[in-house]
Amino acid sequence: MEKKAKLLFYSGIITLIATFYLSWFTYLFGTINYANGIGGIKVVIEIFTGRINYYRSRYGETALIYLMVVVIIWLLASGFLQLIGIYNYRVGIIGSIMPILIALLILLYSFNIPFTGGFFRLFEMFGDSEPIIEGAVPLHIVLSGRTEAIGTYILLLGGILGLIGSIKNKSEF
């Protein structure tokens, strides 16, 4: 495997770990919720199995809910898209966009940048009230005095590495 392809391989693995194993931040909504990709999977399944009225009452328009579902699915597929980017750099770029955007929005929100407040509702859709394995999945490594967890930074790292690897991989085509 060439160096350029290795970068995409590593970025895909890092993004998958950050998406499905690490939590990005916590928030209170009755109980403590850990936002990560597994919570996003549960929300997408609930929406497509008939619980859309619950989300419509919380978020409003049905079109907005389906737009959120597209964002969730895109983020969940990002690590896999980065791995496919080894063979097609365009797919690698598409797979790197969403982790970068989501991580940056989480960081901007945690630094109290006011325009990101509306996006926090999207982040709530990644929340899950119960960990799968207490203390292990999702792994929540907190930063002292911060709302975001280390998973946000690792998600950002995976996206940036994927973008760099895809751009470098472009020269092969």
N, C-alpha and C. Protein backbone atom coordinates (compact mmCIF):
# COMPACT_ATOMS: atom_id res chain seq x y z
N MET A 1 0.85 -1.18 0.00
CA MET A 1 0.00 0.00 0.00
C MET A 1 0.90 1.24 0.00
N GLU A 2 0.59 2.17 -0.87
CA GLU A 2 1.40 3.38 -0.96
C GLU A 2 1.13 4.29 0.23
N LYS A 3 2.04 5.25 0.45
CA LYS A 3 1.90 6.17 1.57
C LYS A 3 0.60 6.94 1.51
N LYS A 4 0.20 7.36 0.30
CA LYS A 4 -1.02 8.13 0.15
C LYS A 4 -2.23 7.30 0.55
N ALA A 5 -2.24 6.04 0.16
CA ALA A 5 -3.35 5.16 0.50
C ALA A 5 -3.35 4.82 1.99
N LYS A 6 -2.16 4.73 2.58
CA LYS A 6 -2.08 4.45 4.01
C LYS A 6 -2.74 5.56 4.83
N LEU A 7 -2.54 6.80 4.42
CA LEU A 7 -3.14 7.91 5.12
C LEU A 7 -4.67 7.81 5.11
N LEU A 8 -5.24 7.44 3.96
CA LEU A 8 -6.68 7.25 3.88
C LEU A 8 -7.14 6.06 4.71
N PHE A 9 -6.35 5.01 4.72
CA PHE A 9 -6.69 3.84 5.54
C PHE A 9 -6.72 4.22 7.01
N TYR A 10 -5.68 4.90 7.48
CA TYR A 10 -5.64 5.32 8.88
C TYR A 10 -6.75 6.29 9.22
N SER A 11 -7.04 7.21 8.32
CA SER A 11 -8.11 8.18 8.59
C SER A 11 -9.46 7.47 8.68
N GLY A 12 -9.69 6.48 7.83
CA GLY A 12 -10.94 5.73 7.89
C GLY A 12 -11.09 5.00 9.22
N ILE A 13 -10.03 4.37 9.67
CA ILE A 13 -10.06 3.64 10.95
C ILE A 13 -10.27 4.61 12.10
N ILE A 14 -9.56 5.74 12.08
CA ILE A 14 -9.70 6.74 13.14
C ILE A 14 -11.13 7.29 13.18
N THR A 15 -11.69 7.57 12.01
CA THR A 15 -13.05 8.09 11.95
C THR A 15 -14.05 7.05 12.45
N LEU A 16 -13.87 5.80 12.08
CA LEU A 16 -14.78 4.75 12.56
C LEU A 16 -14.70 4.60 14.08
N ILE A 17 -13.51 4.65 14.63
CA ILE A 17 -13.35 4.55 16.09
C ILE A 17 -14.01 5.75 16.77
N ALA A 18 -13.78 6.94 16.23
CA ALA A 18 -14.38 8.14 16.82
C ALA A 18 -15.90 8.14 16.69
N THR A 19 -16.41 7.57 15.62
CA THR A 19 -17.85 7.57 15.39
C THR A 19 -18.57 6.55 16.26
N PHE A 20 -18.06 5.33 16.32
CA PHE A 20 -18.81 4.26 16.96
C PHE A 20 -18.32 3.85 18.34
N TYR A 21 -17.14 4.26 18.73
CA TYR A 21 -16.60 3.82 20.02
C TYR A 21 -16.48 4.96 21.03
N LEU A 22 -16.11 6.13 20.58
CA LEU A 22 -15.90 7.25 21.50
C LEU A 22 -17.12 8.16 21.54
N SER A 23 -17.33 8.81 22.66
CA SER A 23 -18.40 9.81 22.72
C SER A 23 -17.80 11.18 22.42
N TRP A 24 -18.64 12.06 21.89
CA TRP A 24 -18.18 13.38 21.48
C TRP A 24 -18.42 14.42 22.55
N PHE A 25 -19.53 14.33 23.25
CA PHE A 25 -19.84 15.26 24.32
C PHE A 25 -21.01 14.69 25.11
N THR A 26 -21.30 15.32 26.23
CA THR A 26 -22.46 14.94 27.02
C THR A 26 -23.40 16.12 27.13
N TYR A 27 -24.64 15.83 27.36
CA TYR A 27 -25.62 16.87 27.62
C TYR A 27 -26.71 16.28 28.51
N LEU A 28 -27.38 17.15 29.20
CA LEU A 28 -28.48 16.74 30.07
C LEU A 28 -29.80 16.91 29.34
N PHE A 29 -30.55 15.85 29.24
CA PHE A 29 -31.91 15.90 28.74
C PHE A 29 -32.68 14.91 29.59
N GLY A 30 -32.94 15.29 30.82
CA GLY A 30 -33.53 14.38 31.79
C GLY A 30 -32.43 13.58 32.49
N THR A 31 -31.66 12.85 31.70
CA THR A 31 -30.52 12.11 32.23
C THR A 31 -29.29 12.51 31.40
N ILE A 32 -28.14 12.04 31.81
CA ILE A 32 -26.93 12.34 31.06
C ILE A 32 -26.95 11.53 29.77
N ASN A 33 -26.71 12.19 28.65
CA ASN A 33 -26.67 11.55 27.35
C ASN A 33 -25.28 11.68 26.77
N TYR A 34 -24.79 10.61 26.19
CA TYR A 34 -23.49 10.61 25.53
C TYR A 34 -23.75 10.60 24.03
N ALA A 35 -23.30 11.63 23.35
CA ALA A 35 -23.51 11.72 21.91
C ALA A 35 -22.42 10.95 21.18
N ASN A 36 -22.83 10.02 20.32
CA ASN A 36 -21.92 9.26 19.48
C ASN A 36 -22.71 8.64 18.34
N GLY A 37 -22.04 7.92 17.47
CA GLY A 37 -22.68 7.34 16.30
C GLY A 37 -23.71 6.29 16.61
N ILE A 38 -23.55 5.57 17.70
CA ILE A 38 -24.50 4.52 18.04
C ILE A 38 -25.86 5.13 18.35
N GLY A 39 -25.87 6.28 19.01
CA GLY A 39 -27.13 6.98 19.25
C GLY A 39 -27.78 7.40 17.94
N GLY A 40 -26.96 7.79 16.97
CA GLY A 40 -27.48 8.15 15.65
C GLY A 40 -28.14 6.98 14.95
N ILE A 41 -27.53 5.80 15.07
CA ILE A 41 -28.13 4.59 14.48
C ILE A 41 -29.50 4.33 15.08
N LYS A 42 -29.60 4.45 16.41
CA LYS A 42 -30.88 4.20 17.07
C LYS A 42 -31.94 5.19 16.62
N VAL A 43 -31.56 6.45 16.44
CA VAL A 43 -32.53 7.46 16.01
C VAL A 43 -33.01 7.19 14.59
N VAL A 44 -32.10 6.84 13.69
CA VAL A 44 -32.48 6.55 12.31
C VAL A 44 -33.43 5.36 12.26
N ILE A 45 -33.13 4.33 13.04
CA ILE A 45 -34.01 3.16 13.08
C ILE A 45 -35.39 3.55 13.62
N GLU A 46 -35.43 4.36 14.68
CA GLU A 46 -36.71 4.79 15.24
C GLU A 46 -37.53 5.60 14.24
N ILE A 47 -36.86 6.48 13.50
CA ILE A 47 -37.58 7.31 12.53
C ILE A 47 -38.17 6.45 11.42
N PHE A 48 -37.42 5.49 10.94
CA PHE A 48 -37.91 4.66 9.84
C PHE A 48 -38.83 3.54 10.29
N THR A 49 -38.95 3.31 11.58
CA THR A 49 -39.87 2.28 12.06
C THR A 49 -41.12 2.87 12.70
N GLY A 50 -41.39 4.14 12.45
CA GLY A 50 -42.68 4.68 12.84
C GLY A 50 -42.71 5.63 14.02
N ARG A 51 -41.59 6.01 14.55
CA ARG A 51 -41.59 6.92 15.69
C ARG A 51 -41.36 8.36 15.25
N ILE A 52 -41.67 8.66 14.00
CA ILE A 52 -41.40 9.98 13.46
C ILE A 52 -42.24 11.06 14.13
N ASN A 53 -43.42 10.71 14.64
CA ASN A 53 -44.26 11.71 15.30
C ASN A 53 -43.59 12.29 16.54
N TYR A 54 -42.83 11.46 17.27
CA TYR A 54 -42.09 11.95 18.43
C TYR A 54 -41.07 13.00 17.99
N TYR A 55 -40.33 12.72 16.92
CA TYR A 55 -39.32 13.66 16.45
C TYR A 55 -39.97 14.87 15.79
N ARG A 56 -41.13 14.68 15.16
CA ARG A 56 -41.83 15.82 14.56
C ARG A 56 -42.28 16.78 15.65
N SER A 57 -42.70 16.26 16.80
CA SER A 57 -43.13 17.14 17.89
C SER A 57 -41.95 17.88 18.51
N ARG A 58 -40.75 17.30 18.47
CA ARG A 58 -39.57 17.95 19.04
C ARG A 58 -38.87 18.89 18.08
N TYR A 59 -38.84 18.53 16.78
CA TYR A 59 -38.03 19.28 15.83
C TYR A 59 -38.83 20.01 14.76
N GLY A 60 -40.11 19.71 14.62
CA GLY A 60 -40.92 20.45 13.66
C GLY A 60 -41.14 19.70 12.37
N GLU A 61 -40.80 20.34 11.28
CA GLU A 61 -41.11 19.84 9.94
C GLU A 61 -40.52 18.47 9.65
N THR A 62 -41.26 17.67 8.92
CA THR A 62 -40.82 16.35 8.52
C THR A 62 -39.60 16.43 7.61
N ALA A 63 -39.58 17.43 6.71
CA ALA A 63 -38.44 17.59 5.81
C ALA A 63 -37.16 17.84 6.59
N LEU A 64 -37.23 18.61 7.67
CA LEU A 64 -36.06 18.87 8.50
C LEU A 64 -35.58 17.59 9.17
N ILE A 65 -36.50 16.76 9.59
CA ILE A 65 -36.13 15.49 10.22
C ILE A 65 -35.40 14.60 9.22
N TYR A 66 -35.91 14.53 8.00
CA TYR A 66 -35.25 13.69 6.99
C TYR A 66 -33.90 14.29 6.58
N LEU A 67 -33.77 15.60 6.61
CA LEU A 67 -32.47 16.21 6.36
C LEU A 67 -31.48 15.82 7.46
N MET A 68 -31.96 15.80 8.70
CA MET A 68 -31.10 15.36 9.81
C MET A 68 -30.71 13.90 9.64
N VAL A 69 -31.63 13.08 9.15
CA VAL A 69 -31.34 11.67 8.92
C VAL A 69 -30.24 11.53 7.86
N VAL A 70 -30.29 12.34 6.81
CA VAL A 70 -29.25 12.31 5.78
C VAL A 70 -27.90 12.66 6.39
N VAL A 71 -27.86 13.68 7.24
CA VAL A 71 -26.61 14.08 7.89
C VAL A 71 -26.10 12.95 8.79
N ILE A 72 -27.00 12.32 9.53
CA ILE A 72 -26.60 11.23 10.43
C ILE A 72 -26.04 10.07 9.62
N ILE A 73 -26.74 9.66 8.56
CA ILE A 73 -26.27 8.53 7.75
C ILE A 73 -24.94 8.86 7.09
N TRP A 74 -24.80 10.10 6.62
CA TRP A 74 -23.55 10.52 5.99
C TRP A 74 -22.39 10.42 6.99
N LEU A 75 -22.63 10.87 8.22
CA LEU A 75 -21.57 10.79 9.22
C LEU A 75 -21.27 9.34 9.58
N LEU A 76 -22.31 8.52 9.71
CA LEU A 76 -22.09 7.11 10.05
C LEU A 76 -21.31 6.38 8.95
N ALA A 77 -21.51 6.79 7.71
CA ALA A 77 -20.82 6.15 6.59
C ALA A 77 -19.46 6.76 6.29
N SER A 78 -19.11 7.84 6.94
CA SER A 78 -17.89 8.59 6.60
C SER A 78 -16.62 7.75 6.69
N GLY A 79 -16.46 7.00 7.73
CA GLY A 79 -15.26 6.17 7.87
C GLY A 79 -15.14 5.16 6.75
N PHE A 80 -16.27 4.55 6.38
CA PHE A 80 -16.27 3.59 5.28
C PHE A 80 -15.98 4.29 3.95
N LEU A 81 -16.53 5.49 3.78
CA LEU A 81 -16.26 6.24 2.55
C LEU A 81 -14.79 6.61 2.45
N GLN A 82 -14.18 6.93 3.57
CA GLN A 82 -12.74 7.24 3.56
C GLN A 82 -11.94 6.00 3.16
N LEU A 83 -12.36 4.84 3.62
CA LEU A 83 -11.66 3.61 3.23
C LEU A 83 -11.83 3.34 1.73
N ILE A 84 -13.00 3.62 1.19
CA ILE A 84 -13.22 3.48 -0.25
C ILE A 84 -12.39 4.51 -1.00
N GLY A 85 -12.10 5.65 -0.35
CA GLY A 85 -11.30 6.70 -0.94
C GLY A 85 -9.90 6.26 -1.32
N ILE A 86 -9.45 5.12 -0.81
CA ILE A 86 -8.17 4.56 -1.22
C ILE A 86 -8.18 4.31 -2.73
N TYR A 87 -9.33 3.93 -3.24
CA TYR A 87 -9.46 3.60 -4.66
C TYR A 87 -10.05 4.73 -5.50
N ASN A 88 -10.79 5.64 -4.86
CA ASN A 88 -11.40 6.76 -5.57
C ASN A 88 -11.34 7.99 -4.67
N TYR A 89 -10.47 8.92 -4.99
CA TYR A 89 -10.23 10.06 -4.10
C TYR A 89 -11.48 10.90 -3.88
N ARG A 90 -12.39 10.96 -4.85
CA ARG A 90 -13.61 11.76 -4.68
C ARG A 90 -14.46 11.23 -3.53
N VAL A 91 -14.54 9.93 -3.43
CA VAL A 91 -15.31 9.32 -2.34
C VAL A 91 -14.62 9.62 -1.00
N GLY A 92 -13.31 9.63 -0.99
CA GLY A 92 -12.58 9.97 0.23
C GLY A 92 -12.85 11.39 0.68
N ILE A 93 -12.94 12.31 -0.27
CA ILE A 93 -13.26 13.70 0.07
C ILE A 93 -14.66 13.80 0.64
N ILE A 94 -15.62 13.13 0.00
CA ILE A 94 -17.00 13.14 0.49
C ILE A 94 -17.08 12.55 1.89
N GLY A 95 -16.30 11.50 2.15
CA GLY A 95 -16.29 10.88 3.46
C GLY A 95 -15.60 11.72 4.53
N SER A 96 -14.79 12.67 4.13
CA SER A 96 -14.06 13.48 5.10
C SER A 96 -14.79 14.77 5.47
N ILE A 97 -15.73 15.19 4.67
CA ILE A 97 -16.41 16.46 4.90
C ILE A 97 -17.24 16.44 6.18
N MET A 98 -18.08 15.44 6.35
CA MET A 98 -19.01 15.44 7.48
C MET A 98 -18.32 15.32 8.84
N PRO A 99 -17.30 14.47 9.03
CA PRO A 99 -16.63 14.46 10.34
C PRO A 99 -16.02 15.81 10.69
N ILE A 100 -15.46 16.49 9.69
CA ILE A 100 -14.87 17.80 9.95
C ILE A 100 -15.96 18.79 10.35
N LEU A 101 -17.06 18.81 9.61
CA LEU A 101 -18.15 19.75 9.92
C LEU A 101 -18.76 19.50 11.30
N ILE A 102 -19.07 18.26 11.59
CA ILE A 102 -19.69 17.95 12.88
C ILE A 102 -18.74 18.28 14.03
N ALA A 103 -17.47 17.89 13.90
CA ALA A 103 -16.51 18.18 14.97
C ALA A 103 -16.33 19.68 15.16
N LEU A 104 -16.24 20.43 14.07
CA LEU A 104 -16.09 21.89 14.19
C LEU A 104 -17.33 22.53 14.81
N LEU A 105 -18.51 22.06 14.46
CA LEU A 105 -19.72 22.61 15.06
C LEU A 105 -19.79 22.31 16.56
N ILE A 106 -19.38 21.11 16.94
CA ILE A 106 -19.35 20.77 18.38
C ILE A 106 -18.36 21.68 19.10
N LEU A 107 -17.18 21.87 18.51
CA LEU A 107 -16.17 22.72 19.15
C LEU A 107 -16.63 24.17 19.22
N LEU A 108 -17.23 24.68 18.15
CA LEU A 108 -17.73 26.06 18.18
C LEU A 108 -18.82 26.22 19.24
N TYR A 109 -19.69 25.24 19.35
CA TYR A 109 -20.75 25.30 20.36
C TYR A 109 -20.14 25.25 21.77
N SER A 110 -19.14 24.42 21.97
CA SER A 110 -18.55 24.30 23.30
C SER A 110 -17.78 25.55 23.70
N PHE A 111 -17.35 26.34 22.71
CA PHE A 111 -16.69 27.61 23.00
C PHE A 111 -17.68 28.77 23.00
N ASN A 112 -18.98 28.45 23.06
CA ASN A 112 -20.07 29.43 23.17
C ASN A 112 -20.14 30.40 22.01
N ILE A 113 -19.89 29.92 20.80
CA ILE A 113 -20.09 30.73 19.61
C ILE A 113 -21.60 30.74 19.34
N PRO A 114 -22.26 31.88 19.30
CA PRO A 114 -23.72 31.92 19.31
C PRO A 114 -24.43 31.33 18.11
N PHE A 115 -23.87 31.37 16.91
CA PHE A 115 -24.63 30.92 15.75
C PHE A 115 -24.82 29.42 15.70
N THR A 116 -24.14 28.66 16.53
CA THR A 116 -24.24 27.20 16.47
C THR A 116 -25.36 26.65 17.33
N GLY A 117 -26.09 27.48 18.03
CA GLY A 117 -27.12 27.00 18.94
C GLY A 117 -28.18 26.15 18.28
N GLY A 118 -28.58 26.50 17.07
CA GLY A 118 -29.60 25.72 16.37
C GLY A 118 -29.11 24.35 15.97
N PHE A 119 -27.80 24.21 15.76
CA PHE A 119 -27.26 22.92 15.37
C PHE A 119 -27.22 21.94 16.53
N PHE A 120 -27.30 22.43 17.75
CA PHE A 120 -27.24 21.54 18.90
C PHE A 120 -28.42 20.57 18.88
N ARG A 121 -29.53 20.97 18.31
CA ARG A 121 -30.68 20.07 18.20
C ARG A 121 -30.32 18.87 17.34
N LEU A 122 -29.49 19.08 16.31
CA LEU A 122 -29.02 17.96 15.50
C LEU A 122 -28.16 17.04 16.35
N PHE A 123 -27.30 17.62 17.18
CA PHE A 123 -26.41 16.81 18.00
C PHE A 123 -27.19 15.97 19.01
N GLU A 124 -28.34 16.47 19.46
CA GLU A 124 -29.16 15.69 20.38
C GLU A 124 -29.61 14.39 19.74
N MET A 125 -29.71 14.37 18.42
CA MET A 125 -30.14 13.15 17.74
C MET A 125 -29.08 12.06 17.80
N PHE A 126 -27.86 12.41 18.17
CA PHE A 126 -26.81 11.42 18.34
C PHE A 126 -26.75 10.92 19.78
N GLY A 127 -27.56 11.49 20.65
CA GLY A 127 -27.51 11.14 22.06
C GLY A 127 -28.21 9.84 22.35
N ASP A 128 -27.76 9.19 23.36
CA ASP A 128 -28.35 7.95 23.81
C ASP A 128 -28.31 7.96 25.32
N SER A 129 -29.43 7.66 25.96
CA SER A 129 -29.49 7.80 27.41
C SER A 129 -28.78 6.68 28.16
N GLU A 130 -28.55 5.56 27.51
CA GLU A 130 -27.91 4.45 28.22
C GLU A 130 -26.66 3.99 27.47
N PRO A 131 -25.54 3.87 28.18
CA PRO A 131 -24.35 3.32 27.53
C PRO A 131 -24.58 1.84 27.21
N ILE A 132 -23.95 1.34 26.17
CA ILE A 132 -24.08 -0.06 25.81
C ILE A 132 -23.37 -0.93 26.84
N ILE A 133 -22.12 -0.57 27.15
CA ILE A 133 -21.37 -1.22 28.22
C ILE A 133 -20.90 -0.08 29.13
N GLU A 134 -21.39 -0.07 30.35
CA GLU A 134 -21.10 1.02 31.28
C GLU A 134 -19.60 1.26 31.42
N GLY A 135 -19.18 2.50 31.11
CA GLY A 135 -17.79 2.89 31.23
C GLY A 135 -16.89 2.45 30.09
N ALA A 136 -17.44 1.71 29.10
CA ALA A 136 -16.59 1.23 28.01
C ALA A 136 -17.12 1.62 26.63
N VAL A 137 -18.40 1.47 26.37
CA VAL A 137 -18.98 1.81 25.07
C VAL A 137 -20.21 2.65 25.31
N PRO A 138 -20.24 3.89 24.97
CA PRO A 138 -19.16 4.65 24.38
C PRO A 138 -18.13 5.04 25.44
N LEU A 139 -16.90 5.07 25.01
CA LEU A 139 -15.82 5.48 25.91
C LEU A 139 -15.85 7.00 25.98
N HIS A 140 -16.05 7.51 27.17
CA HIS A 140 -16.19 8.95 27.35
C HIS A 140 -14.99 9.44 28.14
N ILE A 141 -14.05 10.06 27.45
CA ILE A 141 -12.87 10.63 28.08
C ILE A 141 -13.09 12.14 28.13
N VAL A 142 -13.34 12.64 29.31
CA VAL A 142 -13.69 14.05 29.46
C VAL A 142 -12.45 14.92 29.47
N LEU A 143 -12.67 16.15 29.09
CA LEU A 143 -11.65 17.18 29.20
C LEU A 143 -12.06 18.07 30.36
N SER A 144 -11.17 18.34 31.24
CA SER A 144 -11.48 19.08 32.45
C SER A 144 -12.16 20.42 32.14
N GLY A 145 -13.36 20.59 32.66
CA GLY A 145 -14.09 21.83 32.51
C GLY A 145 -14.71 22.05 31.14
N ARG A 146 -14.74 21.05 30.30
CA ARG A 146 -15.27 21.18 28.94
C ARG A 146 -16.50 20.29 28.77
N THR A 147 -17.36 20.65 27.83
CA THR A 147 -18.51 19.80 27.54
C THR A 147 -18.18 18.75 26.49
N GLU A 148 -17.21 19.06 25.62
CA GLU A 148 -16.86 18.08 24.60
C GLU A 148 -15.87 17.07 25.18
N ALA A 149 -15.83 15.91 24.55
CA ALA A 149 -14.91 14.86 24.98
C ALA A 149 -13.80 14.70 23.95
N ILE A 150 -12.88 13.83 24.24
CA ILE A 150 -11.74 13.62 23.35
C ILE A 150 -12.19 13.06 22.00
N GLY A 151 -13.34 12.40 21.96
CA GLY A 151 -13.86 11.85 20.71
C GLY A 151 -14.10 12.90 19.65
N THR A 152 -14.45 14.13 20.06
CA THR A 152 -14.64 15.21 19.10
C THR A 152 -13.34 15.53 18.38
N TYR A 153 -12.25 15.59 19.11
CA TYR A 153 -10.96 15.91 18.52
C TYR A 153 -10.46 14.77 17.63
N ILE A 154 -10.74 13.55 18.03
CA ILE A 154 -10.33 12.41 17.21
C ILE A 154 -11.16 12.34 15.94
N LEU A 155 -12.45 12.69 16.03
CA LEU A 155 -13.29 12.76 14.83
C LEU A 155 -12.76 13.82 13.87
N LEU A 156 -12.38 14.97 14.40
CA LEU A 156 -11.80 16.04 13.59
C LEU A 156 -10.48 15.57 12.95
N LEU A 157 -9.64 14.90 13.71
CA LEU A 157 -8.38 14.37 13.20
C LEU A 157 -8.63 13.40 12.04
N GLY A 158 -9.58 12.49 12.21
CA GLY A 158 -9.89 11.53 11.14
C GLY A 158 -10.36 12.22 9.88
N GLY A 159 -11.19 13.26 10.03
CA GLY A 159 -11.67 13.99 8.87
C GLY A 159 -10.57 14.74 8.16
N ILE A 160 -9.71 15.39 8.92
CA ILE A 160 -8.61 16.16 8.32
C ILE A 160 -7.62 15.22 7.62
N LEU A 161 -7.26 14.12 8.27
CA LEU A 161 -6.35 13.17 7.63
C LEU A 161 -6.96 12.59 6.36
N GLY A 162 -8.26 12.32 6.39
CA GLY A 162 -8.93 11.81 5.19
C GLY A 162 -8.92 12.82 4.06
N LEU A 163 -9.13 14.08 4.40
CA LEU A 163 -9.13 15.12 3.37
C LEU A 163 -7.73 15.28 2.77
N ILE A 164 -6.71 15.30 3.62
CA ILE A 164 -5.33 15.40 3.14
C ILE A 164 -4.98 14.18 2.29
N GLY A 165 -5.32 13.00 2.77
CA GLY A 165 -5.02 11.78 2.03
C GLY A 165 -5.74 11.73 0.69
N SER A 166 -6.97 12.21 0.65
CA SER A 166 -7.73 12.21 -0.61
C SER A 166 -7.13 13.18 -1.61
N ILE A 167 -6.73 14.34 -1.13
CA ILE A 167 -6.13 15.32 -2.03
C ILE A 167 -4.79 14.82 -2.55
N LYS A 168 -4.01 14.19 -1.68
CA LYS A 168 -2.73 13.63 -2.13
C LYS A 168 -2.95 12.45 -3.07
N ASN A 169 -3.98 11.67 -2.81
CA ASN A 169 -4.30 10.51 -3.62
C ASN A 169 -4.79 10.92 -5.01
N LYS A 170 -5.24 12.17 -5.13
CA LYS A 170 -5.77 12.69 -6.40
C LYS A 170 -4.71 12.63 -7.50
N SER A 171 -3.47 12.79 -7.13
CA SER A 171 -2.40 12.81 -8.13
C SER A 171 -2.22 11.46 -8.83
N GLU A 172 -2.77 10.39 -8.27
CA GLU A 172 -2.63 9.08 -8.88
C GLU A 172 -3.61 8.88 -10.03
N PHE A 173 -4.66 9.69 -10.09
CA PHE A 173 -5.71 9.47 -11.10
C PHE A 173 -5.47 10.31 -12.33
